[in-house]
Protein backbone atom coordinates (compact mmCIF):
# COMPACT_ATOMS: atom_id res chain seq x y z
CA MET A 1 9.99 -1.00 3.19
CA VAL A 2 6.88 -1.93 5.16
CA VAL A 3 7.69 -5.67 4.81
CA SER A 4 11.24 -5.18 6.04
CA ALA A 5 9.91 -3.34 9.13
CA ILE A 6 7.54 -6.24 9.79
CA GLU A 7 10.33 -8.75 9.33
CA HIS A 8 12.52 -6.84 11.77
CA ILE A 9 9.72 -6.90 14.40
CA ARG A 10 9.07 -10.59 13.85
CA ALA A 11 12.78 -11.38 14.31
CA GLY A 12 12.70 -9.55 17.69
CA LYS A 13 14.72 -6.59 16.51
CA LEU A 14 13.80 -3.00 16.96
CA PRO A 15 12.30 -1.37 13.87
CA ASN A 16 14.57 1.12 12.04
CA LEU A 17 13.17 4.41 13.21
CA SER A 18 14.65 6.42 10.36
CA GLU A 19 12.22 4.54 8.06
CA ALA A 20 9.25 5.33 10.14
CA PRO A 21 8.33 8.70 8.55
CA ALA A 22 8.59 7.14 5.02
CA ILE A 23 6.37 4.16 5.97
CA LYS A 24 3.83 6.55 7.49
CA LEU A 25 3.83 8.68 4.39
CA TYR A 26 3.45 5.66 2.11
CA SER A 27 0.60 4.29 4.25
CA THR A 28 -1.15 7.63 4.34
CA GLU A 29 -0.94 8.11 0.57
CA ALA A 30 -2.15 4.55 -0.06
CA ALA A 31 -5.18 5.04 2.26
CA THR A 32 -5.98 8.39 0.67
CA GLU A 33 -5.83 6.94 -2.81
CA VAL A 34 -8.20 4.06 -1.76
CA ALA A 35 -10.59 6.51 -0.24
CA MET A 36 -10.62 8.76 -3.29
CA GLU A 37 -11.32 5.83 -5.51
CA ALA A 38 -14.22 4.81 -3.17
CA VAL A 39 -15.70 8.28 -3.61
CA GLN A 40 -15.32 8.05 -7.38
CA LEU A 41 -16.94 4.61 -7.47
CA LEU A 42 -19.65 5.06 -4.96
CA GLY A 43 -20.30 8.77 -5.45
CA GLY A 44 -20.54 11.34 -2.67
CA ASN A 45 -23.47 9.62 -0.97
CA GLY A 46 -21.89 6.17 -0.75
CA TRP A 47 -23.56 2.78 -1.80
CA PRO A 48 -26.34 2.41 -1.03
CA SER A 49 -27.41 5.74 0.05
CA ASN A 50 -27.03 5.87 3.86
CA ALA A 51 -26.50 8.34 6.67
CA TRP A 52 -22.69 8.40 6.41
CA SER A 53 -21.55 9.18 2.88
CA SER A 54 -18.24 7.82 1.69
CA TRP A 55 -16.94 11.35 1.28
CA HIS A 56 -17.91 12.24 4.94
CA THR A 57 -16.27 9.03 6.18
CA MET A 58 -13.08 9.83 4.21
CA ARG A 59 -12.98 13.42 5.53
CA SER A 60 -13.50 12.47 9.15
CA ARG A 61 -10.31 10.32 9.37
C-alpha cells in the first residue's frame, strides 16, 4: 500500500486519497510498535541513562 503510493508519486500521478487514512494508520501502528519495543529493550530510562527516557520520548510524539 505504501509502496504503491510512492510509485504513483514517482510516476507523476496524484496519490490515491482513499488510501491515505489506511497508510496513516499503518504507519502510526508501526511506529508505536517500534517505540514499545524500544521501551521493552532499553527500559523506562533509556540506554544509557540520560535526561530523556525512551518512555518520555515515545509519549511526547
